Protein backbone atom coordinates (compact mmCIF):
# COMPACT_ATOMS: atom_id res chain seq x y z
CA MET A 1 18.40 -2.50 -27.35
CA ALA A 2 16.71 -3.69 -24.24
CA LYS A 3 16.35 -1.56 -21.26
CA ASP A 4 19.06 -3.48 -18.40
CA TYR A 5 15.65 -3.01 -15.59
CA TYR A 6 18.27 -4.07 -12.63
CA ALA A 7 20.62 -1.12 -13.91
CA ILE A 8 17.59 1.45 -13.58
CA LEU A 9 16.89 0.35 -9.92
CA GLY A 10 20.12 -0.01 -9.06
CA VAL A 11 20.49 -3.23 -7.97
CA LYS A 12 21.98 -6.85 -8.80
CA ARG A 13 20.51 -8.75 -11.14
CA ASN A 14 20.06 -11.90 -8.37
CA ALA A 15 18.60 -9.44 -6.27
CA ASP A 16 16.08 -10.60 -3.82
CA GLN A 17 12.93 -9.11 -3.71
CA LYS A 18 12.93 -6.93 -0.53
CA GLU A 19 15.55 -4.73 -2.21
CA ILE A 20 13.73 -4.37 -5.16
CA LYS A 21 10.87 -3.38 -3.68
CA ALA A 22 13.41 -0.81 -0.83
CA SER A 23 15.48 0.42 -4.64
CA TYR A 24 12.43 1.56 -6.32
CA ARG A 25 10.41 2.92 -3.11
CA LYS A 26 13.17 5.04 -2.68
CA LEU A 27 13.87 6.11 -6.44
CA ALA A 28 9.75 6.48 -7.04
CA ARG A 29 10.33 8.99 -4.35
CA LYS A 30 13.36 10.82 -5.93
CA TYR A 31 11.19 11.41 -9.05
CA HIS A 32 7.62 11.92 -7.96
CA PRO A 33 6.19 14.55 -10.14
CA ASP A 34 4.96 16.11 -6.28
CA VAL A 35 7.86 16.20 -6.30
CA ASN A 36 9.72 17.84 -8.77
CA PRO A 37 6.65 19.85 -10.63
CA ASN A 38 7.10 20.83 -14.19
CA ASP A 39 10.44 18.66 -14.13
CA LYS A 40 10.28 16.52 -17.61
CA GLN A 41 13.21 15.13 -16.73
CA ALA A 42 12.19 13.69 -13.58
CA GLU A 43 9.04 12.28 -14.56
CA ALA A 44 10.95 10.40 -17.49
CA LYS A 45 12.79 8.96 -14.84
CA PHE A 46 9.77 8.28 -12.82
CA LYS A 47 8.27 6.55 -15.11
CA GLU A 48 11.13 4.61 -16.56
CA VAL A 49 11.56 3.72 -12.20
CA SER A 50 8.04 2.27 -12.62
CA GLU A 51 8.14 0.55 -15.56
CA ALA A 52 10.52 -1.59 -14.43
CA TYR A 53 9.60 -2.43 -11.10
CA GLU A 54 6.19 -3.86 -12.87
CA ILE A 55 8.26 -6.33 -14.80
CA VAL A 56 11.35 -7.19 -11.49
CA GLY A 57 8.70 -6.49 -8.55
CA ASP A 58 6.35 -9.63 -10.66
CA ASP A 59 8.18 -13.03 -10.16
CA GLU A 60 6.36 -14.52 -13.01
CA LYS A 61 7.66 -11.13 -15.69
CA ARG A 62 10.83 -11.15 -13.96
CA LYS A 63 11.92 -15.15 -14.69
CA LEU A 64 10.85 -14.35 -18.48
CA TYR A 65 12.15 -11.01 -18.40
CA ASP A 66 15.91 -12.75 -17.09
CA GLN A 67 16.03 -15.39 -20.12
CA TYR A 68 14.31 -13.17 -23.12
CA GLY A 69 15.09 -9.83 -22.47
CA SER A 70 12.95 -7.74 -23.89
CA ASN A 71 10.94 -10.31 -25.59
CA TRP A 72 10.09 -11.46 -22.48
CA GLU A 73 6.10 -10.35 -23.35
CA ALA A 74 6.11 -12.27 -26.00
CA ALA A 75 7.45 -15.56 -24.79
CA LYS A 76 4.74 -15.55 -22.12
CA GLN A 77 1.97 -15.04 -25.28
CA ALA A 78 3.69 -17.81 -26.93
CA GLY A 79 3.78 -20.65 -23.83
CA ALA A 80 7.46 -20.22 -22.37
CA ASP A 81 7.29 -19.94 -18.36
CA GLY A 82 11.25 -19.18 -17.39
CA GLY A 83 12.15 -22.93 -18.30
CA GLY A 84 10.70 -24.24 -21.98
CA VAL A 85 7.61 -23.96 -23.55
CA HIS A 86 5.48 -25.86 -23.23
CA PHE A 87 3.84 -27.72 -26.51
CA ASN A 88 0.72 -29.14 -26.80
CA GLN A 89 1.05 -32.75 -26.28
CA GLY A 90 -2.09 -33.93 -28.20
CA GLY A 91 -2.50 -31.55 -31.08
CA GLY A 92 -0.89 -33.09 -33.43
CA ALA A 93 1.19 -31.69 -36.44
CA GLY A 94 -0.92 -28.28 -36.40
CA GLY A 95 -0.41 -27.63 -32.68
CA PHE A 96 2.95 -27.80 -33.30
CA GLU A 97 2.58 -25.23 -36.21
CA SER A 98 0.89 -23.14 -34.16
CA ILE A 99 3.61 -22.79 -31.16
CA PHE A 100 6.21 -22.50 -33.52
CA GLU A 101 4.88 -19.28 -35.47
CA GLN A 102 3.37 -18.50 -32.06
CA PHE A 103 6.91 -18.50 -30.24
CA PHE A 104 9.88 -18.99 -32.82
CA SER A 105 8.53 -16.41 -35.14
CA GLY A 106 8.44 -14.36 -32.65
CA GLY A 107 11.80 -12.21 -33.61
CA PHE A 108 13.78 -13.38 -29.96
CA GLY A 109 16.71 -11.41 -31.38
CA GLY A 110 15.91 -11.45 -34.87
CA GLN A 111 14.20 -8.54 -36.47
CA THR A 112 12.26 -7.75 -33.71
CA GLN A 113 11.72 -3.68 -33.28
CA ASP A 114 10.60 -1.58 -30.85
CA PHE A 115 7.06 -2.28 -31.13
CA THR A 116 4.52 -4.11 -29.23
CA GLN A 117 1.76 -6.15 -29.48
CA THR A 118 -1.77 -5.00 -28.34
CA GLN A 119 -1.47 -6.34 -24.04
CA GLN A 120 -3.92 -8.47 -22.41
CA ALA A 121 -6.45 -6.46 -20.63
CA VAL A 122 -5.05 -4.24 -17.67
CA GLU A 123 -7.19 -5.76 -14.76
CA PRO A 124 -8.77 -3.27 -11.65
CA LYS A 125 -7.61 -4.14 -8.41
CA ASP A 126 -8.00 -3.30 -4.91
CA ILE A 127 -5.69 -1.09 -3.07
CA GLU A 128 -5.24 -1.64 0.81
CA LYS A 129 -3.87 1.77 3.06
CA THR A 130 -3.04 2.40 6.88
CA VAL A 131 -2.95 5.49 9.00
CA GLU A 132 -2.13 6.37 12.12
CA LEU A 133 -4.63 8.11 14.71
CA THR A 134 -4.70 9.16 17.96
CA LEU A 135 -7.52 7.65 20.95
CA GLU A 136 -8.84 11.26 21.13
CA GLU A 137 -9.04 11.20 16.91
CA ILE A 138 -10.55 7.09 17.40
CA ASP A 139 -12.95 8.51 19.84
CA SER A 140 -14.14 11.96 17.75
CA GLY A 141 -13.75 10.42 14.17
CA THR A 142 -11.63 12.64 11.79
CA LYS A 143 -10.81 12.95 8.46
CA ARG A 144 -7.60 11.81 6.38
CA SER A 145 -6.29 13.37 3.00
CA LEU A 146 -3.84 9.94 1.50
CA THR A 147 -1.95 10.63 -1.21
CA TYR A 148 -0.51 6.99 -3.16
CA GLN A 149 0.32 5.66 -6.34
CA ALA A 150 -1.16 3.29 -8.82
CA LEU A 151 -0.05 1.54 -12.00
CA ASP A 152 -3.17 2.54 -14.16
CA ALA A 153 -4.65 1.51 -17.04
CA CYS A 154 -3.07 3.98 -19.78
CA LYS A 155 -5.85 6.17 -20.59
CA SER A 156 -4.45 6.77 -24.43
CA CYS A 157 -4.75 2.84 -25.07
CA ASP A 158 -7.65 1.63 -22.80
CA GLY A 159 -4.47 -0.82 -21.18
CA SER A 160 -4.17 -2.66 -24.93
CA GLY A 161 -0.12 -1.06 -25.04
CA THR A 162 -1.32 0.19 -28.75
CA VAL A 163 -3.50 2.91 -30.51
CA GLN A 164 -5.09 2.66 -33.80
CA LEU A 165 -3.45 4.59 -36.99
CA ARG A 166 -5.14 6.27 -39.45
CA ALA A 167 -3.21 4.57 -42.36
CA ILE A 168 -2.49 1.32 -42.67
CA ARG A 169 1.71 0.89 -42.73
CA ASP A 170 4.23 -1.35 -43.22
CA CYS A 171 4.54 -3.56 -40.09
CA PRO A 172 7.77 -3.20 -38.03
CA ASN A 173 7.60 -5.86 -36.97
CA CYS A 174 8.53 -7.97 -39.90
CA ASN A 175 9.58 -4.65 -42.41
CA GLY A 176 6.06 -5.45 -44.30
CA SER A 177 7.31 -8.53 -45.42
CA GLY A 178 5.18 -10.57 -43.15
CA ARG A 179 8.40 -12.74 -42.00
CA VAL A 180 10.71 -13.06 -39.02
CA ARG A 181 13.63 -14.48 -37.90
CA GLY A 182 13.64 -16.79 -34.92
CA ILE A 183 16.14 -18.65 -32.68
CA ILE A 184 15.55 -21.55 -35.22
CA GLY A 185 14.28 -20.35 -38.11
CA THR A 186 11.95 -18.38 -40.09
CA GLY A 187 7.58 -18.23 -39.71
CA THR A 188 4.69 -15.77 -40.05
CA CYS A 189 5.40 -12.60 -38.42
CA PRO A 190 2.81 -12.36 -35.07
CA VAL A 191 2.54 -9.41 -35.11
CA CYS A 192 0.64 -8.79 -38.60
CA ALA A 193 -0.13 -12.41 -39.22
CA GLY A 194 1.97 -12.14 -42.10
CA SER A 195 0.05 -9.77 -44.25
CA GLY A 196 3.04 -7.37 -43.76
CA LYS A 197 0.62 -4.43 -42.95
CA THR A 198 -0.62 -3.26 -39.89
CA THR A 199 -2.73 -0.33 -38.71
CA LEU A 200 -0.93 -0.45 -35.14
CA GLU A 201 1.67 1.42 -33.37
CA SER A 202 2.44 1.07 -30.67
CA CYS A 203 1.14 3.49 -27.32
CA PRO A 204 3.30 6.63 -27.25
CA THR A 205 1.71 7.73 -24.22
CA CYS A 206 2.70 4.40 -22.45
CA ARG A 207 5.48 3.09 -24.47
CA GLY A 208 3.75 -0.23 -24.90
CA SER A 209 3.22 -0.41 -21.37
CA GLY A 210 -0.18 -0.52 -20.89
CA THR A 211 0.07 1.03 -18.23
CA MET A 212 1.01 4.54 -16.63
CA PRO A 213 2.29 5.76 -13.09
CA THR A 214 -0.74 7.87 -11.43
CA ALA A 215 -1.11 9.62 -8.10
CA LYS A 216 -3.69 9.76 -6.48
CA LYS A 217 -5.32 11.77 -3.70
CA VAL A 218 -8.60 11.49 -1.84
CA GLU A 219 -10.04 12.83 1.38
CA VAL A 220 -11.17 10.12 3.57
CA THR A 221 -13.91 10.07 7.02
CA ILE A 222 -13.10 7.96 9.33
CA PRO A 223 -16.21 7.35 11.55
CA ALA A 224 -16.40 7.89 15.59
CA GLY A 225 -14.52 4.75 17.05
CA PHE A 226 -14.30 3.05 14.13
CA PRO A 227 -11.92 -0.63 15.06
CA GLU A 228 -8.38 -2.13 14.25
CA GLY A 229 -8.86 -5.23 12.29
CA LYS A 230 -11.79 -3.53 10.33
CA LYS A 231 -11.61 -1.85 6.66
CA LEU A 232 -13.43 0.92 4.98
CA ARG A 233 -14.09 0.92 1.45
CA VAL A 234 -13.73 3.68 -0.71
CA PRO A 235 -15.44 2.85 -4.01
CA GLY A 236 -13.75 3.23 -7.30
CA ARG A 237 -10.34 4.67 -5.56
CA GLY A 238 -7.86 1.97 -6.83
CA VAL A 239 -6.33 0.78 -9.19
CA LEU A 240 -7.77 1.74 -13.04
CA GLY A 241 -7.69 -1.12 -15.60
CA THR A 242 -9.44 -1.73 -18.76
CA GLY A 243 -12.65 -0.51 -19.99
CA ASN A 244 -12.74 2.30 -16.98
CA ARG A 245 -12.94 -0.26 -14.19
CA ALA A 246 -11.85 0.28 -10.98
CA GLY A 247 -10.71 -1.25 -8.34
CA ASP A 248 -11.46 -0.20 -4.54
CA LEU A 249 -9.09 1.46 -1.55
CA TYR A 250 -9.54 -0.21 1.74
CA VAL A 251 -8.52 2.21 4.55
CA SER A 252 -6.92 0.47 7.95
CA ILE A 253 -6.26 2.23 11.28
CA ARG A 254 -3.63 1.26 13.61
CA GLU A 255 -3.85 2.80 17.05
CA VAL A 256 -1.02 5.38 18.69
CA SER A 257 -0.15 4.62 21.64
CA ASN A 258 -1.39 6.94 24.53
CA SER A 259 1.06 7.84 27.37
CA ARG A 260 -2.03 8.10 29.55
CA PHE A 261 -4.20 6.05 29.16
CA LYS A 262 -4.74 2.45 28.48
CA ARG A 263 -7.94 0.86 26.16
CA THR A 264 -9.29 -2.53 26.26
CA GLY A 265 -11.73 -2.90 24.10
CA ASP A 266 -14.09 0.23 24.56
CA ASN A 267 -13.17 0.73 27.76
CA LEU A 268 -10.19 3.07 28.79
CA GLU A 269 -7.64 2.57 32.24
CA LEU A 270 -5.38 5.12 33.67
CA GLU A 271 -3.62 5.63 36.99
CA LEU A 272 -4.61 7.70 39.17
CA GLU A 273 -2.08 9.40 41.72
CA ILE A 274 -3.57 10.54 45.07
CA PRO A 275 -2.35 12.06 48.51
CA PHE A 276 -2.48 10.10 51.29
CA THR A 277 -4.17 11.81 53.17
CA THR A 278 -6.88 12.53 50.69
CA ALA A 279 -7.15 8.72 50.77
CA ALA A 280 -7.30 8.87 54.09
CA LEU A 281 -9.97 11.24 55.01
CA GLY A 282 -11.12 10.90 51.00
CA GLY A 283 -12.51 14.26 48.83
CA GLU A 284 -13.05 15.44 45.84
CA VAL A 285 -10.30 15.01 42.64
CA THR A 286 -10.01 15.68 38.71
CA ILE A 287 -9.76 13.24 36.05
CA PRO A 288 -8.59 13.54 32.37
CA THR A 289 -10.34 12.16 29.93
CA LEU A 290 -10.29 12.55 26.09
CA ARG A 291 -12.91 14.69 26.36
CA GLY A 292 -11.57 16.92 28.99
CA LYS A 293 -11.64 16.78 33.22
CA VAL A 294 -14.03 15.85 35.31
CA LYS A 295 -15.13 15.27 39.07
CA MET A 296 -15.08 12.49 41.20
CA ARG A 297 -15.30 11.83 44.88
CA ILE A 298 -12.88 9.61 46.58
CA PRO A 299 -14.43 7.86 49.88
CA GLU A 300 -11.98 8.29 52.64
CA GLY A 301 -10.28 5.01 53.76
CA SER A 302 -9.71 3.91 50.11
CA GLN A 303 -6.44 2.02 49.23
CA SER A 304 -3.77 1.61 46.49
CA GLY A 305 -4.82 -0.13 43.96
CA GLN A 306 -8.82 0.24 43.98
CA LEU A 307 -10.20 0.40 40.98
CA PHE A 308 -13.16 3.04 39.94
CA ARG A 309 -15.30 3.65 37.49
CA LEU A 310 -17.06 6.40 35.15
CA ALA A 311 -19.32 5.31 33.17
CA GLY A 312 -19.52 6.24 29.26
CA GLN A 313 -15.70 8.14 29.68
CA GLY A 314 -13.97 5.25 27.73
CA ILE A 315 -13.68 5.39 24.18
CA SER A 316 -17.47 5.64 21.31
CA LYS A 317 -18.70 2.87 19.94
CA MET A 318 -19.99 2.65 16.27
CA GLY A 319 -23.60 2.86 17.39
CA GLY A 320 -23.11 6.10 19.47
CA GLN A 321 -22.84 4.06 22.88
CA ARG A 322 -19.30 5.03 24.98
CA GLY A 323 -16.75 2.85 26.95
CA ASP A 324 -16.23 3.09 30.71
CA LEU A 325 -13.06 4.90 32.26
CA VAL A 326 -11.33 2.79 35.14
CA ALA A 327 -9.20 4.96 37.11
CA ARG A 328 -6.56 2.91 39.73
CA LEU A 329 -5.72 4.74 42.33
CA LYS A 330 -2.13 5.35 42.89
CA ILE A 331 -1.47 6.70 46.56
CA THR A 332 1.29 8.56 46.92
CA VAL A 333 3.17 10.15 49.89
CA PRO A 334 5.74 13.26 49.98
CA LYS A 335 9.38 12.35 49.19
CA LYS A 336 10.52 15.46 51.51
CA PRO A 337 7.84 16.40 54.07
CA THR A 338 8.40 19.64 55.23
CA ASP A 339 9.17 20.23 59.27
CA ALA A 340 5.28 21.43 59.46
CA GLN A 341 4.36 17.64 57.93
CA ARG A 342 6.59 15.72 60.39
CA LYS A 343 5.93 17.69 62.99
CA LEU A 344 1.54 16.02 61.97
CA LEU A 345 2.57 12.35 60.84
CA ALA A 346 4.76 11.96 64.33
CA ASP A 347 2.11 12.65 66.11
CA LEU A 348 -0.14 10.41 63.95
CA ALA A 349 2.29 8.18 64.28
CA ALA A 350 2.25 8.52 68.43
CA LEU A 351 -1.62 8.12 68.49
CA GLU A 352 -1.46 5.20 65.82
CA ALA A 353 1.07 3.15 68.47
CA VAL A 354 -1.10 3.55 71.38
CA SER A 355 -4.34 2.86 69.62
């Protein structure tokens, strides 16, 4: 009986890709081998869910699966696209017969057994991941351990979906007859090419899919000053394809907002609160930076909103230099002055009135 991939994913047949992806992620987290160590049932369920998502999560494969069920791969090889078969208009009778044997003799609803024909090569693919970093981590550089999932080519069959038998046996697709019944007639068995014999069988490891969900873990070193929008390449850590060819992993960063500093390029800005007495008389204040605290002199008569630049106290750059820190003054006054403060302020007000 053909698998109902929609039922496996717990979605309706008319579900959109957003629903399908959300359901797959939920089930993948639930049955992931890392979450269920040494649980064979969970591992089998995880593989089943991944297999289902590989089909219905792909628009082209889903269209064929909806029309041909478990025979969607044979339909694809025969030229079906979910809306019918494309015949060679200029090939004459020979072209028609070739298509007829490939498509109509594929056993769509006839004698097809649980056997997967040789698959196309699994192509290596790149994987992209994003990590969140604080300003402090961006400034100093950091390391991140990433764990992620990939549908790699099955190592047992190198992505072909079939394995070689030690001895010749009757073809399971045609039961050794060399002929299979299709939707409108019989034709040559596409698995054994009419010989009735085969030396291949469906790969028991991947169950003929050619791919296996693989958990990957890699430690990435992110250099100081690494900017948003740039991608860090980790060679060979993407999807593994046929022939041990692997794609790459690309890591980008997302900056976590900081309550104290505002970043502008390689520079940082902060609001520096000082008492009105310091602004009026001048004095030394302590300013926080990403790398500790520094002292800065405030000249007398400083005004609220005035900017002070501290060179080299901003974000590290990829080349090793640093941006600047810009402090914007915010003059504060006591909300509830003491009696002594009131007297002094009153005396100051009186002097200002005289002048």
